[in-house]
mmCIF file of all heavy atoms, coordinates in Angstrom:
data_MODEL
# 
_entry.id   MODEL 
# 
loop_
_atom_site.group_PDB 
_atom_site.id 
_atom_site.type_symbol 
_atom_site.label_atom_id 
_atom_site.label_alt_id 
_atom_site.label_comp_id 
_atom_site.label_asym_id 
_atom_site.label_entity_id 
_atom_site.label_seq_id 
_atom_site.pdbx_PDB_ins_code 
_atom_site.Cartn_x 
_atom_site.Cartn_y 
_atom_site.Cartn_z 
_atom_site.occupancy 
_atom_site.B_iso_or_equiv 
_atom_site.pdbx_formal_charge 
_atom_site.auth_seq_id 
_atom_site.auth_comp_id 
_atom_site.auth_asym_id 
_atom_site.auth_atom_id 
_atom_site.pdbx_PDB_model_num 
ATOM 1   N N   . LEU A 1 1  ? 193.406 181.693 44.165 1.00 0.00 ? 1  LEU A N   1 
ATOM 2   C CA  . LEU A 1 1  ? 194.077 180.482 44.626 1.00 0.00 ? 1  LEU A CA  1 
ATOM 3   C C   . LEU A 1 1  ? 195.139 180.011 43.650 1.00 0.00 ? 1  LEU A C   1 
ATOM 4   O O   . LEU A 1 1  ? 196.129 179.391 44.054 1.00 0.00 ? 1  LEU A O   1 
ATOM 5   C CB  . LEU A 1 1  ? 193.045 179.368 44.856 1.00 0.00 ? 1  LEU A CB  1 
ATOM 6   C CG  . LEU A 1 1  ? 192.033 179.579 45.994 1.00 0.00 ? 1  LEU A CG  1 
ATOM 7   C CD1 . LEU A 1 1  ? 191.056 178.417 46.035 1.00 0.00 ? 1  LEU A CD1 1 
ATOM 8   C CD2 . LEU A 1 1  ? 192.742 179.732 47.327 1.00 0.00 ? 1  LEU A CD2 1 
ATOM 9   N N   . LEU A 1 2  ? 194.953 180.286 42.377 1.00 0.00 ? 2  LEU A N   1 
ATOM 10  C CA  . LEU A 1 2  ? 195.913 179.874 41.345 1.00 0.00 ? 2  LEU A CA  1 
ATOM 11  C C   . LEU A 1 2  ? 197.023 180.899 41.136 1.00 0.00 ? 2  LEU A C   1 
ATOM 12  O O   . LEU A 1 2  ? 197.749 180.820 40.142 1.00 0.00 ? 2  LEU A O   1 
ATOM 13  C CB  . LEU A 1 2  ? 195.186 179.635 40.018 1.00 0.00 ? 2  LEU A CB  1 
ATOM 14  C CG  . LEU A 1 2  ? 194.159 178.493 40.023 1.00 0.00 ? 2  LEU A CG  1 
ATOM 15  C CD1 . LEU A 1 2  ? 193.450 178.420 38.682 1.00 0.00 ? 2  LEU A CD1 1 
ATOM 16  C CD2 . LEU A 1 2  ? 194.835 177.169 40.343 1.00 0.00 ? 2  LEU A CD2 1 
ATOM 17  N N   . LYS A 1 3  ? 197.124 181.888 42.038 1.00 0.00 ? 3  LYS A N   1 
ATOM 18  C CA  . LYS A 1 3  ? 198.164 182.920 41.971 1.00 0.00 ? 3  LYS A CA  1 
ATOM 19  C C   . LYS A 1 3  ? 198.011 183.824 40.756 1.00 0.00 ? 3  LYS A C   1 
ATOM 20  O O   . LYS A 1 3  ? 198.995 184.384 40.259 1.00 0.00 ? 3  LYS A O   1 
ATOM 21  C CB  . LYS A 1 3  ? 199.564 182.290 41.962 1.00 0.00 ? 3  LYS A CB  1 
ATOM 22  C CG  . LYS A 1 3  ? 199.859 181.394 43.141 1.00 0.00 ? 3  LYS A CG  1 
ATOM 23  C CD  . LYS A 1 3  ? 199.882 182.159 44.441 1.00 0.00 ? 3  LYS A CD  1 
ATOM 24  C CE  . LYS A 1 3  ? 200.235 181.265 45.622 1.00 0.00 ? 3  LYS A CE  1 
ATOM 25  N NZ  . LYS A 1 3  ? 200.259 182.008 46.901 1.00 0.00 ? 3  LYS A NZ  1 
ATOM 26  N N   . ALA A 1 4  ? 196.783 183.987 40.249 1.00 0.00 ? 4  ALA A N   1 
ATOM 27  C CA  . ALA A 1 4  ? 196.516 184.886 39.120 1.00 0.00 ? 4  ALA A CA  1 
ATOM 28  C C   . ALA A 1 4  ? 195.778 186.108 39.659 1.00 0.00 ? 4  ALA A C   1 
ATOM 29  O O   . ALA A 1 4  ? 194.581 186.294 39.426 1.00 0.00 ? 4  ALA A O   1 
ATOM 30  C CB  . ALA A 1 4  ? 195.717 184.186 38.034 1.00 0.00 ? 4  ALA A CB  1 
ATOM 31  N N   . GLU A 1 5  ? 196.512 186.946 40.395 1.00 0.00 ? 5  GLU A N   1 
ATOM 32  C CA  . GLU A 1 5  ? 195.879 188.084 41.067 1.00 0.00 ? 5  GLU A CA  1 
ATOM 33  C C   . GLU A 1 5  ? 195.333 189.106 40.081 1.00 0.00 ? 5  GLU A C   1 
ATOM 34  O O   . GLU A 1 5  ? 194.262 189.680 40.290 1.00 0.00 ? 5  GLU A O   1 
ATOM 35  C CB  . GLU A 1 5  ? 196.884 188.750 42.005 1.00 0.00 ? 5  GLU A CB  1 
ATOM 36  C CG  . GLU A 1 5  ? 197.377 187.871 43.141 1.00 0.00 ? 5  GLU A CG  1 
ATOM 37  C CD  . GLU A 1 5  ? 198.595 187.072 42.755 1.00 0.00 ? 5  GLU A CD  1 
ATOM 38  O OE1 . GLU A 1 5  ? 199.012 187.188 41.582 1.00 0.00 ? 5  GLU A OE1 1 
ATOM 39  O OE2 . GLU A 1 5  ? 199.126 186.328 43.608 1.00 0.00 ? 5  GLU A OE2 1 
ATOM 40  N N   . PHE A 1 6  ? 196.080 189.329 39.010 1.00 0.00 ? 6  PHE A N   1 
ATOM 41  C CA  . PHE A 1 6  ? 195.644 190.335 38.034 1.00 0.00 ? 6  PHE A CA  1 
ATOM 42  C C   . PHE A 1 6  ? 194.334 189.937 37.378 1.00 0.00 ? 6  PHE A C   1 
ATOM 43  O O   . PHE A 1 6  ? 193.420 190.755 37.216 1.00 0.00 ? 6  PHE A O   1 
ATOM 44  C CB  . PHE A 1 6  ? 196.727 190.547 36.983 1.00 0.00 ? 6  PHE A CB  1 
ATOM 45  C CG  . PHE A 1 6  ? 196.336 191.523 35.907 1.00 0.00 ? 6  PHE A CG  1 
ATOM 46  C CD1 . PHE A 1 6  ? 196.397 192.883 36.138 1.00 0.00 ? 6  PHE A CD1 1 
ATOM 47  C CD2 . PHE A 1 6  ? 195.901 191.082 34.667 1.00 0.00 ? 6  PHE A CD2 1 
ATOM 48  C CE1 . PHE A 1 6  ? 196.039 193.792 35.165 1.00 0.00 ? 6  PHE A CE1 1 
ATOM 49  C CE2 . PHE A 1 6  ? 195.537 191.980 33.685 1.00 0.00 ? 6  PHE A CE2 1 
ATOM 50  C CZ  . PHE A 1 6  ? 195.605 193.338 33.934 1.00 0.00 ? 6  PHE A CZ  1 
ATOM 51  N N   . LEU A 1 7  ? 194.206 188.673 36.979 1.00 0.00 ? 7  LEU A N   1 
ATOM 52  C CA  . LEU A 1 7  ? 192.970 188.207 36.350 1.00 0.00 ? 7  LEU A CA  1 
ATOM 53  C C   . LEU A 1 7  ? 191.807 188.279 37.331 1.00 0.00 ? 7  LEU A C   1 
ATOM 54  O O   . LEU A 1 7  ? 190.679 188.619 36.946 1.00 0.00 ? 7  LEU A O   1 
ATOM 55  C CB  . LEU A 1 7  ? 193.145 186.779 35.845 1.00 0.00 ? 7  LEU A CB  1 
ATOM 56  C CG  . LEU A 1 7  ? 194.128 186.589 34.683 1.00 0.00 ? 7  LEU A CG  1 
ATOM 57  C CD1 . LEU A 1 7  ? 194.244 185.110 34.337 1.00 0.00 ? 7  LEU A CD1 1 
ATOM 58  C CD2 . LEU A 1 7  ? 193.696 187.394 33.475 1.00 0.00 ? 7  LEU A CD2 1 
ATOM 59  N N   . ALA A 1 8  ? 192.053 187.984 38.599 1.00 0.00 ? 8  ALA A N   1 
ATOM 60  C CA  . ALA A 1 8  ? 190.983 188.042 39.596 1.00 0.00 ? 8  ALA A CA  1 
ATOM 61  C C   . ALA A 1 8  ? 190.483 189.475 39.786 1.00 0.00 ? 8  ALA A C   1 
ATOM 62  O O   . ALA A 1 8  ? 189.274 189.730 39.787 1.00 0.00 ? 8  ALA A O   1 
ATOM 63  C CB  . ALA A 1 8  ? 191.494 187.472 40.923 1.00 0.00 ? 8  ALA A CB  1 
ATOM 64  N N   . ILE A 1 9  ? 191.411 190.416 39.925 1.00 0.00 ? 9  ILE A N   1 
ATOM 65  C CA  . ILE A 1 9  ? 191.011 191.809 40.113 1.00 0.00 ? 9  ILE A CA  1 
ATOM 66  C C   . ILE A 1 9  ? 190.351 192.354 38.852 1.00 0.00 ? 9  ILE A C   1 
ATOM 67  O O   . ILE A 1 9  ? 189.361 193.103 38.915 1.00 0.00 ? 9  ILE A O   1 
ATOM 68  C CB  . ILE A 1 9  ? 192.224 192.659 40.513 1.00 0.00 ? 9  ILE A CB  1 
ATOM 69  C CG1 . ILE A 1 9  ? 192.786 192.162 41.853 1.00 0.00 ? 9  ILE A CG1 1 
ATOM 70  C CG2 . ILE A 1 9  ? 191.858 194.123 40.621 1.00 0.00 ? 9  ILE A CG2 1 
ATOM 71  C CD1 . ILE A 1 9  ? 191.813 192.227 42.994 1.00 0.00 ? 9  ILE A CD1 1 
ATOM 72  N N   . ALA A 1 10 ? 190.878 191.987 37.670 1.00 0.00 ? 10 ALA A N   1 
ATOM 73  C CA  . ALA A 1 10 ? 190.284 192.467 36.412 1.00 0.00 ? 10 ALA A CA  1 
ATOM 74  C C   . ALA A 1 10 ? 188.863 191.937 36.242 1.00 0.00 ? 10 ALA A C   1 
ATOM 75  O O   . ALA A 1 10 ? 187.972 192.657 35.753 1.00 0.00 ? 10 ALA A O   1 
ATOM 76  C CB  . ALA A 1 10 ? 191.151 192.043 35.231 1.00 0.00 ? 10 ALA A CB  1 
ATOM 77  N N   . LEU A 1 11 ? 188.626 190.694 36.654 1.00 0.00 ? 11 LEU A N   1 
ATOM 78  C CA  . LEU A 1 11 ? 187.272 190.126 36.549 1.00 0.00 ? 11 LEU A CA  1 
ATOM 79  C C   . LEU A 1 11 ? 186.288 190.889 37.435 1.00 0.00 ? 11 LEU A C   1 
ATOM 80  O O   . LEU A 1 11 ? 185.167 191.202 37.019 1.00 0.00 ? 11 LEU A O   1 
ATOM 81  C CB  . LEU A 1 11 ? 187.303 188.654 36.931 1.00 0.00 ? 11 LEU A CB  1 
ATOM 82  C CG  . LEU A 1 11 ? 185.954 187.914 36.908 1.00 0.00 ? 11 LEU A CG  1 
ATOM 83  C CD1 . LEU A 1 11 ? 185.386 187.894 35.496 1.00 0.00 ? 11 LEU A CD1 1 
ATOM 84  C CD2 . LEU A 1 11 ? 186.097 186.511 37.446 1.00 0.00 ? 11 LEU A CD2 1 
ATOM 85  N N   . VAL A 1 12 ? 186.703 191.216 38.647 1.00 0.00 ? 12 VAL A N   1 
ATOM 86  C CA  . VAL A 1 12 ? 185.824 191.933 39.565 1.00 0.00 ? 12 VAL A CA  1 
ATOM 87  C C   . VAL A 1 12 ? 185.577 193.361 39.088 1.00 0.00 ? 12 VAL A C   1 
ATOM 88  O O   . VAL A 1 12 ? 184.441 193.853 39.092 1.00 0.00 ? 12 VAL A O   1 
ATOM 89  C CB  . VAL A 1 12 ? 186.411 191.917 40.989 1.00 0.00 ? 12 VAL A CB  1 
ATOM 90  C CG1 . VAL A 1 12 ? 185.591 192.798 41.925 1.00 0.00 ? 12 VAL A CG1 1 
ATOM 91  C CG2 . VAL A 1 12 ? 186.467 190.496 41.522 1.00 0.00 ? 12 VAL A CG2 1 
ATOM 92  N N   . LEU A 1 13 ? 186.626 194.047 38.654 1.00 0.00 ? 13 LEU A N   1 
ATOM 93  C CA  . LEU A 1 13 ? 186.486 195.449 38.270 1.00 0.00 ? 13 LEU A CA  1 
ATOM 94  C C   . LEU A 1 13 ? 185.718 195.613 36.958 1.00 0.00 ? 13 LEU A C   1 
ATOM 95  O O   . LEU A 1 13 ? 184.835 196.464 36.840 1.00 0.00 ? 13 LEU A O   1 
ATOM 96  C CB  . LEU A 1 13 ? 187.868 196.104 38.147 1.00 0.00 ? 13 LEU A CB  1 
ATOM 97  C CG  . LEU A 1 13 ? 188.659 196.262 39.446 1.00 0.00 ? 13 LEU A CG  1 
ATOM 98  C CD1 . LEU A 1 13 ? 190.013 196.894 39.161 1.00 0.00 ? 13 LEU A CD1 1 
ATOM 99  C CD2 . LEU A 1 13 ? 187.884 197.091 40.448 1.00 0.00 ? 13 LEU A CD2 1 
ATOM 100 N N   . VAL A 1 14 ? 186.060 194.785 35.968 1.00 0.00 ? 14 VAL A N   1 
ATOM 101 C CA  . VAL A 1 14 ? 185.482 194.968 34.634 1.00 0.00 ? 14 VAL A CA  1 
ATOM 102 C C   . VAL A 1 14 ? 184.079 194.373 34.549 1.00 0.00 ? 14 VAL A C   1 
ATOM 103 O O   . VAL A 1 14 ? 183.115 195.063 34.192 1.00 0.00 ? 14 VAL A O   1 
ATOM 104 C CB  . VAL A 1 14 ? 186.403 194.360 33.564 1.00 0.00 ? 14 VAL A CB  1 
ATOM 105 C CG1 . VAL A 1 14 ? 185.759 194.455 32.184 1.00 0.00 ? 14 VAL A CG1 1 
ATOM 106 C CG2 . VAL A 1 14 ? 187.749 195.060 33.563 1.00 0.00 ? 14 VAL A CG2 1 
ATOM 107 N N   . TYR A 1 15 ? 183.945 193.111 34.902 1.00 0.00 ? 15 TYR A N   1 
ATOM 108 C CA  . TYR A 1 15 ? 182.666 192.438 34.700 1.00 0.00 ? 15 TYR A CA  1 
ATOM 109 C C   . TYR A 1 15 ? 181.668 192.751 35.819 1.00 0.00 ? 15 TYR A C   1 
ATOM 110 O O   . TYR A 1 15 ? 180.524 193.133 35.546 1.00 0.00 ? 15 TYR A O   1 
ATOM 111 C CB  . TYR A 1 15 ? 182.880 190.922 34.593 1.00 0.00 ? 15 TYR A CB  1 
ATOM 112 C CG  . TYR A 1 15 ? 183.453 190.511 33.268 1.00 0.00 ? 15 TYR A CG  1 
ATOM 113 C CD1 . TYR A 1 15 ? 184.823 190.361 33.096 1.00 0.00 ? 15 TYR A CD1 1 
ATOM 114 C CD2 . TYR A 1 15 ? 182.623 190.296 32.172 1.00 0.00 ? 15 TYR A CD2 1 
ATOM 115 C CE1 . TYR A 1 15 ? 185.354 189.990 31.872 1.00 0.00 ? 15 TYR A CE1 1 
ATOM 116 C CE2 . TYR A 1 15 ? 183.151 189.924 30.945 1.00 0.00 ? 15 TYR A CE2 1 
ATOM 117 C CZ  . TYR A 1 15 ? 184.515 189.775 30.805 1.00 0.00 ? 15 TYR A CZ  1 
ATOM 118 O OH  . TYR A 1 15 ? 185.032 189.414 29.592 1.00 0.00 ? 15 TYR A OH  1 
ATOM 119 N N   . VAL A 1 16 ? 182.095 192.596 37.062 1.00 0.00 ? 16 VAL A N   1 
ATOM 120 C CA  . VAL A 1 16 ? 181.174 192.854 38.169 1.00 0.00 ? 16 VAL A CA  1 
ATOM 121 C C   . VAL A 1 16 ? 180.937 194.346 38.347 1.00 0.00 ? 16 VAL A C   1 
ATOM 122 O O   . VAL A 1 16 ? 179.802 194.798 38.532 1.00 0.00 ? 16 VAL A O   1 
ATOM 123 C CB  . VAL A 1 16 ? 181.714 192.229 39.472 1.00 0.00 ? 16 VAL A CB  1 
ATOM 124 C CG1 . VAL A 1 16 ? 180.786 192.531 40.631 1.00 0.00 ? 16 VAL A CG1 1 
ATOM 125 C CG2 . VAL A 1 16 ? 181.883 190.734 39.301 1.00 0.00 ? 16 VAL A CG2 1 
ATOM 126 N N   . GLY A 1 17 ? 181.996 195.143 38.275 1.00 0.00 ? 17 GLY A N   1 
ATOM 127 C CA  . GLY A 1 17 ? 181.859 196.560 38.551 1.00 0.00 ? 17 GLY A CA  1 
ATOM 128 C C   . GLY A 1 17 ? 181.301 197.388 37.419 1.00 0.00 ? 17 GLY A C   1 
ATOM 129 O O   . GLY A 1 17 ? 180.762 198.470 37.659 1.00 0.00 ? 17 GLY A O   1 
ATOM 130 N N   . ALA A 1 18 ? 181.400 196.924 36.182 1.00 0.00 ? 18 ALA A N   1 
ATOM 131 C CA  . ALA A 1 18 ? 180.953 197.734 35.042 1.00 0.00 ? 18 ALA A CA  1 
ATOM 132 C C   . ALA A 1 18 ? 179.887 197.027 34.214 1.00 0.00 ? 18 ALA A C   1 
ATOM 133 O O   . ALA A 1 18 ? 178.768 197.527 34.053 1.00 0.00 ? 18 ALA A O   1 
ATOM 134 C CB  . ALA A 1 18 ? 182.157 198.092 34.156 1.00 0.00 ? 18 ALA A CB  1 
ATOM 135 N N   . VAL A 1 19 ? 180.214 195.850 33.699 1.00 0.00 ? 19 VAL A N   1 
ATOM 136 C CA  . VAL A 1 19 ? 179.318 195.181 32.757 1.00 0.00 ? 19 VAL A CA  1 
ATOM 137 C C   . VAL A 1 19 ? 178.022 194.755 33.441 1.00 0.00 ? 19 VAL A C   1 
ATOM 138 O O   . VAL A 1 19 ? 176.920 195.008 32.939 1.00 0.00 ? 19 VAL A O   1 
ATOM 139 C CB  . VAL A 1 19 ? 180.034 193.983 32.118 1.00 0.00 ? 19 VAL A CB  1 
ATOM 140 C CG1 . VAL A 1 19 ? 179.074 193.213 31.210 1.00 0.00 ? 19 VAL A CG1 1 
ATOM 141 C CG2 . VAL A 1 19 ? 181.253 194.442 31.336 1.00 0.00 ? 19 VAL A CG2 1 
ATOM 142 N N   . MET A 1 20 ? 178.118 194.116 34.613 1.00 0.00 ? 20 MET A N   1 
ATOM 143 C CA  . MET A 1 20 ? 176.924 193.614 35.260 1.00 0.00 ? 20 MET A CA  1 
ATOM 144 C C   . MET A 1 20 ? 176.078 194.746 35.839 1.00 0.00 ? 20 MET A C   1 
ATOM 145 O O   . MET A 1 20 ? 174.848 194.651 35.867 1.00 0.00 ? 20 MET A O   1 
ATOM 146 C CB  . MET A 1 20 ? 177.294 192.621 36.362 1.00 0.00 ? 20 MET A CB  1 
ATOM 147 C CG  . MET A 1 20 ? 177.876 191.325 35.831 1.00 0.00 ? 20 MET A CG  1 
ATOM 148 S SD  . MET A 1 20 ? 176.900 190.595 34.494 1.00 0.00 ? 20 MET A SD  1 
ATOM 149 C CE  . MET A 1 20 ? 175.316 190.402 35.271 1.00 0.00 ? 20 MET A CE  1 
ATOM 150 N N   . VAL A 1 21 ? 176.719 195.821 36.303 1.00 0.00 ? 21 VAL A N   1 
ATOM 151 C CA  . VAL A 1 21 ? 175.940 196.969 36.775 1.00 0.00 ? 21 VAL A CA  1 
ATOM 152 C C   . VAL A 1 21 ? 175.151 197.572 35.618 1.00 0.00 ? 21 VAL A C   1 
ATOM 153 O O   . VAL A 1 21 ? 173.963 197.913 35.755 1.00 0.00 ? 21 VAL A O   1 
ATOM 154 C CB  . VAL A 1 21 ? 176.871 198.007 37.422 1.00 0.00 ? 21 VAL A CB  1 
ATOM 155 C CG1 . VAL A 1 21 ? 176.104 199.285 37.740 1.00 0.00 ? 21 VAL A CG1 1 
ATOM 156 C CG2 . VAL A 1 21 ? 177.494 197.436 38.683 1.00 0.00 ? 21 VAL A CG2 1 
ATOM 157 N N   . LEU A 1 22 ? 175.782 197.714 34.456 1.00 0.00 ? 22 LEU A N   1 
ATOM 158 C CA  . LEU A 1 22 ? 175.073 198.229 33.285 1.00 0.00 ? 22 LEU A CA  1 
ATOM 159 C C   . LEU A 1 22 ? 173.963 197.280 32.855 1.00 0.00 ? 22 LEU A C   1 
ATOM 160 O O   . LEU A 1 22 ? 172.856 197.714 32.500 1.00 0.00 ? 22 LEU A O   1 
ATOM 161 C CB  . LEU A 1 22 ? 176.066 198.439 32.141 1.00 0.00 ? 22 LEU A CB  1 
ATOM 162 C CG  . LEU A 1 22 ? 175.487 198.941 30.812 1.00 0.00 ? 22 LEU A CG  1 
ATOM 163 C CD1 . LEU A 1 22 ? 174.844 200.304 30.986 1.00 0.00 ? 22 LEU A CD1 1 
ATOM 164 C CD2 . LEU A 1 22 ? 176.581 199.001 29.751 1.00 0.00 ? 22 LEU A CD2 1 
ATOM 165 N N   . PHE A 1 23 ? 174.216 195.983 32.903 1.00 0.00 ? 23 PHE A N   1 
ATOM 166 C CA  . PHE A 1 23 ? 173.197 195.000 32.516 1.00 0.00 ? 23 PHE A CA  1 
ATOM 167 C C   . PHE A 1 23 ? 172.001 195.062 33.454 1.00 0.00 ? 23 PHE A C   1 
ATOM 168 O O   . PHE A 1 23 ? 170.839 195.031 33.013 1.00 0.00 ? 23 PHE A O   1 
ATOM 169 C CB  . PHE A 1 23 ? 173.818 193.600 32.517 1.00 0.00 ? 23 PHE A CB  1 
ATOM 170 C CG  . PHE A 1 23 ? 172.882 192.529 32.051 1.00 0.00 ? 23 PHE A CG  1 
ATOM 171 C CD1 . PHE A 1 23 ? 172.598 192.369 30.711 1.00 0.00 ? 23 PHE A CD1 1 
ATOM 172 C CD2 . PHE A 1 23 ? 172.265 191.677 32.951 1.00 0.00 ? 23 PHE A CD2 1 
ATOM 173 C CE1 . PHE A 1 23 ? 171.719 191.387 30.277 1.00 0.00 ? 23 PHE A CE1 1 
ATOM 174 C CE2 . PHE A 1 23 ? 171.394 190.699 32.534 1.00 0.00 ? 23 PHE A CE2 1 
ATOM 175 C CZ  . PHE A 1 23 ? 171.120 190.553 31.194 1.00 0.00 ? 23 PHE A CZ  1 
ATOM 176 N N   . LEU A 1 24 ? 172.261 195.155 34.752 1.00 0.00 ? 24 LEU A N   1 
ATOM 177 C CA  . LEU A 1 24 ? 171.163 195.264 35.712 1.00 0.00 ? 24 LEU A CA  1 
ATOM 178 C C   . LEU A 1 24 ? 170.374 196.554 35.505 1.00 0.00 ? 24 LEU A C   1 
ATOM 179 O O   . LEU A 1 24 ? 169.141 196.564 35.593 1.00 0.00 ? 24 LEU A O   1 
ATOM 180 C CB  . LEU A 1 24 ? 171.718 195.226 37.137 1.00 0.00 ? 24 LEU A CB  1 
ATOM 181 C CG  . LEU A 1 24 ? 172.055 193.845 37.702 1.00 0.00 ? 24 LEU A CG  1 
ATOM 182 C CD1 . LEU A 1 24 ? 172.728 193.990 39.057 1.00 0.00 ? 24 LEU A CD1 1 
ATOM 183 C CD2 . LEU A 1 24 ? 170.815 192.986 37.810 1.00 0.00 ? 24 LEU A CD2 1 
ATOM 184 N N   . PHE A 1 25 ? 171.066 197.642 35.215 1.00 0.00 ? 25 PHE A N   1 
ATOM 185 C CA  . PHE A 1 25 ? 170.379 198.910 34.976 1.00 0.00 ? 25 PHE A CA  1 
ATOM 186 C C   . PHE A 1 25 ? 169.467 198.811 33.757 1.00 0.00 ? 25 PHE A C   1 
ATOM 187 O O   . PHE A 1 25 ? 168.321 199.263 33.781 1.00 0.00 ? 25 PHE A O   1 
ATOM 188 C CB  . PHE A 1 25 ? 171.416 200.007 34.779 1.00 0.00 ? 25 PHE A CB  1 
ATOM 189 C CG  . PHE A 1 25 ? 170.824 201.355 34.480 1.00 0.00 ? 25 PHE A CG  1 
ATOM 190 C CD1 . PHE A 1 25 ? 170.271 202.129 35.491 1.00 0.00 ? 25 PHE A CD1 1 
ATOM 191 C CD2 . PHE A 1 25 ? 170.811 201.861 33.189 1.00 0.00 ? 25 PHE A CD2 1 
ATOM 192 C CE1 . PHE A 1 25 ? 169.721 203.366 35.216 1.00 0.00 ? 25 PHE A CE1 1 
ATOM 193 C CE2 . PHE A 1 25 ? 170.267 203.092 32.903 1.00 0.00 ? 25 PHE A CE2 1 
ATOM 194 C CZ  . PHE A 1 25 ? 169.716 203.850 33.927 1.00 0.00 ? 25 PHE A CZ  1 
# 
């Protein structure tokens, strides 16, 4: 919503897609 598309995609890819998957594992 704040027009920060790069930060939004980076948050999903890095934290949700990598860090949190590793943490759950």
